[in-house]
């Protein structure tokens, strides 16, 4: 940052320079300032009036008091977490350290990267799964040798493609979406990655698909489930997915910090309240082992016992 330079100070007992030009001033005293005459047409800038020490102290005390009262008033009205509205607990995305971390860890398939960039260009694209979340879930799928996965909230299919790439050739990703438009944007990239045959897109409310899978006898047959759908139904999604998972399966829930609103949801903020309730439910759920990670807007991993 460029430093600012201040004009040279006058020696003790000497006056400053005249910004409008003219002659220099001699020594100043509280009652007298002597100057040589100025050329015609020139005016002299009058020095600012000086306050006595008691007056200056009184003025400063009044200013501090006003500032304190204003801060107290605002502090009662505005909660710190509401003004900051932090979305990340990790370093900012443009942080050199964060960029170093990604550059030394990410192995993103070219089609998956293209789909991520395409998704970010769409309305609400910034709410998608982050690349580090996708890679972590893909690695967990490989670790548990997953063959069947659930994906609630397809959007363009970024998470579905990330999972499909981690599954064996006969693997299957059942992905749920109610809007037919966004998946069609991603389909050419599913095809480019040669994974389209693994992605089973269901264009209907996710609860309907989950109930159909349970009715078809597929409880306990899925290895992994990723929930990134509407928050009003997040508890129902959690319970249905837990039934469909096998013991040892992984259930991932995204956006569980909800931009920090889970700390104190507003009375009319139904989504934040639903997320908060689900977080409390998972914490006390003896059927799973859990980890809540500060990736993206929060990622809960529940491992079915």
Protein backbone atom coordinates (compact mmCIF):
# COMPACT_ATOMS: atom_id res chain seq x y z
CA UNK A 1 0.00 0.00 0.00
CA UNK A 2 1.37 3.37 -0.92
CA UNK A 3 2.10 5.50 2.16
CA UNK A 4 0.81 9.01 2.42
CA UNK A 5 3.29 11.84 2.96
CA UNK A 6 2.42 14.79 5.17
CA UNK A 7 3.68 18.33 4.61
CA UNK A 8 6.78 19.34 6.59
CA UNK A 9 6.04 20.62 10.03
CA UNK A 10 7.08 24.09 11.13
CA UNK A 11 9.74 24.42 13.76
CA UNK A 12 8.53 25.10 17.29
CA UNK A 13 7.29 28.64 17.58
CA UNK A 14 7.19 29.16 13.78
CA UNK A 15 4.13 29.59 11.59
CA UNK A 16 3.28 27.38 8.63
CA UNK A 17 3.60 28.23 4.93
CA UNK A 18 0.97 30.25 3.04
CA UNK A 19 -0.82 28.03 0.57
CA UNK A 20 -2.04 30.99 -1.53
CA UNK A 21 1.44 32.39 -1.92
CA UNK A 22 2.83 35.63 -0.48
CA UNK A 23 5.46 36.34 2.12
CA UNK A 24 6.64 34.17 4.96
CA UNK A 25 5.50 34.82 8.48
CA UNK A 26 7.70 35.61 11.39
CA UNK A 27 7.43 34.10 14.87
CA UNK A 28 3.93 33.62 16.19
CA UNK A 29 2.66 34.39 19.64
CA UNK A 30 -0.85 33.86 20.96
CA UNK A 31 -1.60 37.55 20.49
CA UNK A 32 0.38 38.56 17.43
CA UNK A 33 1.36 37.32 14.00
CA UNK A 34 3.71 39.55 12.06
CA UNK A 35 3.88 39.30 8.31
CA UNK A 36 5.40 41.31 5.55
CA UNK A 37 3.01 42.94 3.14
CA UNK A 38 1.38 40.87 0.45
CA UNK A 39 1.36 41.74 -3.26
CA UNK A 40 -1.84 43.36 -4.54
CA UNK A 41 -4.58 40.86 -5.35
CA UNK A 42 -3.29 38.26 -2.86
CA UNK A 43 -5.26 37.25 0.20
CA UNK A 44 -4.01 35.68 3.35
CA UNK A 45 -5.49 32.44 4.70
CA UNK A 46 -6.42 32.92 8.31
CA UNK A 47 -5.14 30.26 10.69
CA UNK A 48 -7.75 27.99 12.30
CA UNK A 49 -8.83 29.11 15.74
CA UNK A 50 -7.23 27.20 18.55
CA UNK A 51 -9.18 25.75 21.44
CA UNK A 52 -7.97 25.98 24.96
CA UNK A 53 -7.04 22.71 26.64
CA UNK A 54 -10.23 22.54 28.78
CA UNK A 55 -12.39 23.32 25.74
CA UNK A 56 -10.65 20.65 23.65
CA UNK A 57 -11.09 18.08 26.40
CA UNK A 58 -14.75 18.95 26.72
CA UNK A 59 -15.30 18.64 22.97
CA UNK A 60 -13.43 15.31 22.82
CA UNK A 61 -15.41 13.93 25.75
CA UNK A 62 -18.68 14.90 24.07
CA UNK A 63 -17.63 13.19 20.82
CA UNK A 64 -16.60 10.00 22.64
CA UNK A 65 -19.86 9.99 24.56
CA UNK A 66 -21.88 10.33 21.36
CA UNK A 67 -19.90 7.55 19.70
CA UNK A 68 -20.38 5.27 22.71
CA UNK A 69 -24.12 5.91 22.80
CA UNK A 70 -24.43 5.26 19.06
CA UNK A 71 -22.46 2.03 19.33
CA UNK A 72 -24.55 0.87 22.27
CA UNK A 73 -27.76 1.61 20.38
CA UNK A 74 -26.60 -0.22 17.25
CA UNK A 75 -25.22 -3.09 19.29
CA UNK A 76 -28.63 -3.71 20.79
CA UNK A 77 -30.31 -3.68 17.42
CA UNK A 78 -27.79 -5.55 15.26
CA UNK A 79 -26.35 -8.93 16.20
CA UNK A 80 -22.72 -9.39 15.05
CA UNK A 81 -23.48 -12.56 13.12
CA UNK A 82 -26.26 -10.82 11.22
CA UNK A 83 -24.03 -7.98 10.03
CA UNK A 84 -21.18 -10.22 8.94
CA UNK A 85 -23.30 -12.95 7.35
CA UNK A 86 -20.21 -15.12 6.97
CA UNK A 87 -20.53 -17.95 4.50
CA UNK A 88 -17.18 -19.59 5.05
CA UNK A 89 -15.17 -20.62 8.08
CA UNK A 90 -12.15 -21.38 5.91
CA UNK A 91 -9.90 -18.81 4.18
CA UNK A 92 -11.51 -16.79 1.34
CA UNK A 93 -11.52 -18.48 -2.04
CA UNK A 94 -9.03 -15.95 -3.40
CA UNK A 95 -6.62 -16.52 -0.49
CA UNK A 96 -3.16 -17.60 -1.77
CA UNK A 97 -3.06 -20.30 0.90
CA UNK A 98 -6.47 -21.67 -0.13
CA UNK A 99 -5.49 -21.59 -3.79
CA UNK A 100 -2.30 -23.47 -2.90
CA UNK A 101 -4.34 -26.09 -1.04
CA UNK A 102 -6.62 -26.63 -4.03
CA UNK A 103 -3.75 -26.69 -6.52
CA UNK A 104 -2.02 -29.41 -4.51
CA UNK A 105 -5.09 -31.56 -3.92
CA UNK A 106 -7.64 -31.25 -6.71
CA UNK A 107 -7.75 -33.86 -9.49
CA UNK A 108 -10.86 -32.77 -11.34
CA UNK A 109 -11.91 -34.63 -14.47
CA UNK A 110 -11.98 -32.22 -17.46
CA UNK A 111 -15.71 -32.78 -18.06
CA UNK A 112 -16.44 -32.30 -14.36
CA UNK A 113 -14.48 -29.04 -14.34
CA UNK A 114 -16.33 -27.81 -17.42
CA UNK A 115 -19.64 -28.65 -15.77
CA UNK A 116 -18.66 -26.80 -12.60
CA UNK A 117 -17.77 -23.66 -14.56
CA UNK A 118 -20.98 -23.93 -16.56
CA UNK A 119 -23.03 -24.33 -13.39
CA UNK A 120 -21.46 -21.26 -11.78
CA UNK A 121 -22.76 -19.19 -14.70
CA UNK A 122 -26.37 -20.18 -13.96
CA UNK A 123 -28.76 -18.38 -11.60
CA UNK A 124 -28.17 -19.75 -8.08
CA UNK A 125 -25.10 -21.53 -9.40
CA UNK A 126 -23.04 -20.31 -6.45
CA UNK A 127 -25.06 -22.61 -4.17
CA UNK A 128 -23.71 -25.72 -5.88
CA UNK A 129 -21.43 -28.26 -4.25
CA UNK A 130 -17.83 -27.03 -4.15
CA UNK A 131 -15.07 -28.88 -5.96
CA UNK A 132 -13.35 -29.92 -2.72
CA UNK A 133 -16.65 -31.29 -1.37
CA UNK A 134 -17.22 -33.24 -4.58
CA UNK A 135 -13.74 -34.77 -4.50
CA UNK A 136 -14.06 -35.73 -0.83
CA UNK A 137 -17.38 -37.50 -1.46
CA UNK A 138 -16.00 -39.24 -4.55
CA UNK A 139 -13.02 -40.48 -2.54
CA UNK A 140 -15.32 -41.75 0.20
CA UNK A 141 -17.34 -43.60 -2.45
CA UNK A 142 -14.16 -45.26 -3.68
CA UNK A 143 -13.07 -46.05 -0.13
CA UNK A 144 -16.27 -47.94 0.69
CA UNK A 145 -16.37 -49.47 -2.81
CA UNK A 146 -19.76 -47.92 -3.52
CA UNK A 147 -21.90 -49.24 -6.38
CA UNK A 148 -25.22 -47.44 -5.78
CA UNK A 149 -25.66 -43.81 -4.80
CA UNK A 150 -28.49 -41.35 -4.21
CA UNK A 151 -28.23 -37.68 -5.18
CA UNK A 152 -31.04 -35.36 -4.05
CA UNK A 153 -30.95 -32.05 -5.89
CA UNK A 154 -29.49 -32.68 -9.35
CA UNK A 155 -29.42 -29.14 -10.74
CA UNK A 156 -26.93 -29.51 -13.65
CA UNK A 157 -25.70 -32.88 -12.39
CA UNK A 158 -22.30 -31.82 -11.04
CA UNK A 159 -22.59 -33.94 -7.89
CA UNK A 160 -24.17 -36.82 -9.83
CA UNK A 161 -21.27 -36.81 -12.31
CA UNK A 162 -18.70 -36.62 -9.51
CA UNK A 163 -20.24 -39.71 -7.91
CA UNK A 164 -20.64 -41.54 -11.24
CA UNK A 165 -16.94 -41.08 -11.99
CA UNK A 166 -16.13 -42.78 -8.68
CA UNK A 167 -18.39 -45.80 -9.23
CA UNK A 168 -17.48 -48.97 -11.13
CA UNK A 169 -18.73 -49.45 -14.73
CA UNK A 170 -21.94 -51.10 -13.51
CA UNK A 171 -22.53 -48.42 -10.88
CA UNK A 172 -25.74 -46.40 -10.61
CA UNK A 173 -26.56 -42.90 -9.37
CA UNK A 174 -30.25 -42.17 -8.77
CA UNK A 175 -30.53 -38.39 -8.92
CA UNK A 176 -33.66 -36.37 -8.17
CA UNK A 177 -34.76 -33.04 -9.66
CA UNK A 178 -38.07 -31.26 -10.23
CA UNK A 179 -36.84 -28.78 -12.86
CA UNK A 180 -36.03 -30.46 -16.21
CA UNK A 181 -34.01 -27.52 -17.54
CA UNK A 182 -30.71 -27.58 -15.59
CA UNK A 183 -29.99 -31.32 -16.04
CA UNK A 184 -30.19 -30.90 -19.81
CA UNK A 185 -27.42 -28.31 -19.58
CA UNK A 186 -25.20 -30.86 -17.94
CA UNK A 187 -26.17 -33.93 -19.95
CA UNK A 188 -23.68 -33.29 -22.82
CA UNK A 189 -20.88 -33.27 -20.24
CA UNK A 190 -22.16 -36.48 -18.65
CA UNK A 191 -21.90 -37.93 -22.13
CA UNK A 192 -18.46 -36.42 -22.71
CA UNK A 193 -17.21 -38.09 -19.53
CA UNK A 194 -18.76 -41.39 -20.74
CA UNK A 195 -20.79 -41.64 -17.52
CA UNK A 196 -24.29 -40.84 -18.75
CA UNK A 197 -25.35 -44.50 -18.58
CA UNK A 198 -24.75 -44.52 -14.81
CA UNK A 199 -26.94 -41.49 -14.07
CA UNK A 200 -30.61 -42.33 -13.47
CA UNK A 201 -32.43 -38.96 -13.52
CA UNK A 202 -35.84 -38.87 -11.82
CA UNK A 203 -37.84 -35.74 -12.67
CA UNK A 204 -40.26 -35.64 -9.75
CA UNK A 205 -40.23 -34.59 -6.08
CA UNK A 206 -37.45 -36.39 -4.27
CA UNK A 207 -39.75 -37.76 -1.57
CA UNK A 208 -41.78 -39.55 -4.24
CA UNK A 209 -38.65 -41.18 -5.65
CA UNK A 210 -37.42 -42.21 -2.19
CA UNK A 211 -40.80 -43.73 -1.31
CA UNK A 212 -40.84 -45.61 -4.63
CA UNK A 213 -37.39 -47.04 -3.93
CA UNK A 214 -38.46 -48.16 -0.47
CA UNK A 215 -41.66 -49.70 -1.87
CA UNK A 216 -39.57 -51.57 -4.46
CA UNK A 217 -37.60 -53.26 -1.68
CA UNK A 218 -34.35 -51.29 -2.09
CA UNK A 219 -33.97 -50.44 1.59
CA UNK A 220 -30.45 -51.13 2.80
CA UNK A 221 -29.03 -51.46 -0.73
CA UNK A 222 -27.47 -48.02 -1.35
CA UNK A 223 -23.90 -47.24 -0.40
CA UNK A 224 -24.04 -43.46 -0.43
CA UNK A 225 -26.55 -40.61 -0.36
CA UNK A 226 -25.98 -36.90 -0.97
CA UNK A 227 -28.70 -34.47 0.15
CA UNK A 228 -28.65 -30.97 -1.33
CA UNK A 229 -32.32 -30.32 -1.96
CA UNK A 230 -34.96 -28.01 -0.45
CA UNK A 231 -34.48 -27.50 3.27
CA UNK A 232 -38.13 -27.66 4.31
CA UNK A 233 -38.04 -31.44 3.74
CA UNK A 234 -34.46 -32.05 4.87
CA UNK A 235 -35.45 -34.15 7.89
CA UNK A 236 -37.71 -36.37 5.77
CA UNK A 237 -34.90 -36.77 3.23
CA UNK A 238 -32.50 -37.74 5.99
CA UNK A 239 -34.80 -40.41 7.40
CA UNK A 240 -35.66 -41.93 4.00
CA UNK A 241 -32.02 -41.98 2.89
CA UNK A 242 -30.95 -43.59 6.14
CA UNK A 243 -33.43 -46.40 5.49
CA UNK A 244 -32.10 -46.88 1.97
CA UNK A 245 -28.44 -46.98 3.06
CA UNK A 246 -26.70 -50.18 4.03
CA UNK A 247 -24.77 -50.40 7.31
CA UNK A 248 -21.44 -48.68 6.66
CA UNK A 249 -23.01 -46.39 4.07
CA UNK A 250 -22.35 -42.67 4.00
CA UNK A 251 -25.01 -39.95 4.12
CA UNK A 252 -23.77 -36.46 3.20
CA UNK A 253 -25.89 -33.36 3.90
CA UNK A 254 -24.77 -30.08 2.34
CA UNK A 255 -25.32 -26.45 3.39
CA UNK A 256 -25.85 -27.28 7.05
CA UNK A 257 -24.54 -23.90 8.25
CA UNK A 258 -26.96 -21.98 6.02
CA UNK A 259 -24.76 -18.88 5.76
CA UNK A 260 -24.49 -18.73 9.53
CA UNK A 261 -28.25 -18.32 10.01
CA UNK A 262 -28.40 -21.56 12.06
CA UNK A 263 -26.95 -19.65 15.01
CA UNK A 264 -30.20 -17.78 15.59
CA UNK A 265 -32.84 -18.25 12.88
CA UNK A 266 -35.38 -15.49 12.43
CA UNK A 267 -38.96 -16.51 13.29
CA UNK A 268 -40.03 -16.42 9.63
CA UNK A 269 -36.88 -18.10 8.28
CA UNK A 270 -38.31 -21.58 7.87
CA UNK A 271 -35.31 -22.94 5.95
CA UNK A 272 -32.77 -21.90 8.59
CA UNK A 273 -34.95 -23.38 11.33
CA UNK A 274 -35.31 -26.68 9.43
CA UNK A 275 -31.54 -26.90 8.95
CA UNK A 276 -30.94 -26.14 12.63
CA UNK A 277 -33.45 -28.80 13.68
CA UNK A 278 -31.82 -31.37 11.42
CA UNK A 279 -28.38 -30.58 12.84
CA UNK A 280 -29.72 -31.16 16.36
CA UNK A 281 -31.40 -34.38 15.27
CA UNK A 282 -28.25 -35.79 13.68
CA UNK A 283 -26.17 -34.86 16.73
CA UNK A 284 -28.39 -37.06 18.91
CA UNK A 285 -28.89 -39.88 16.39
CA UNK A 286 -27.35 -43.07 17.80
CA UNK A 287 -27.74 -44.82 14.44
CA UNK A 288 -24.81 -42.91 12.89
CA UNK A 289 -21.29 -41.69 13.50
CA UNK A 290 -20.95 -38.08 12.41
CA UNK A 291 -18.58 -35.32 11.35
CA UNK A 292 -19.59 -31.75 10.51
CA UNK A 293 -16.96 -30.14 8.29
CA UNK A 294 -16.54 -26.42 7.48
CA UNK A 295 -16.29 -27.06 3.74
CA UNK A 296 -18.39 -24.75 1.58
CA UNK A 297 -21.48 -23.78 3.56
CA UNK A 298 -21.07 -26.76 5.88
CA UNK A 299 -21.00 -30.51 5.15
CA UNK A 300 -22.29 -33.19 7.52
CA UNK A 301 -21.10 -36.75 7.03
CA UNK A 302 -23.20 -39.42 8.77
CA UNK A 303 -21.87 -42.99 8.67
CA UNK A 304 -24.61 -45.53 9.23
CA UNK A 305 -23.81 -48.00 12.00
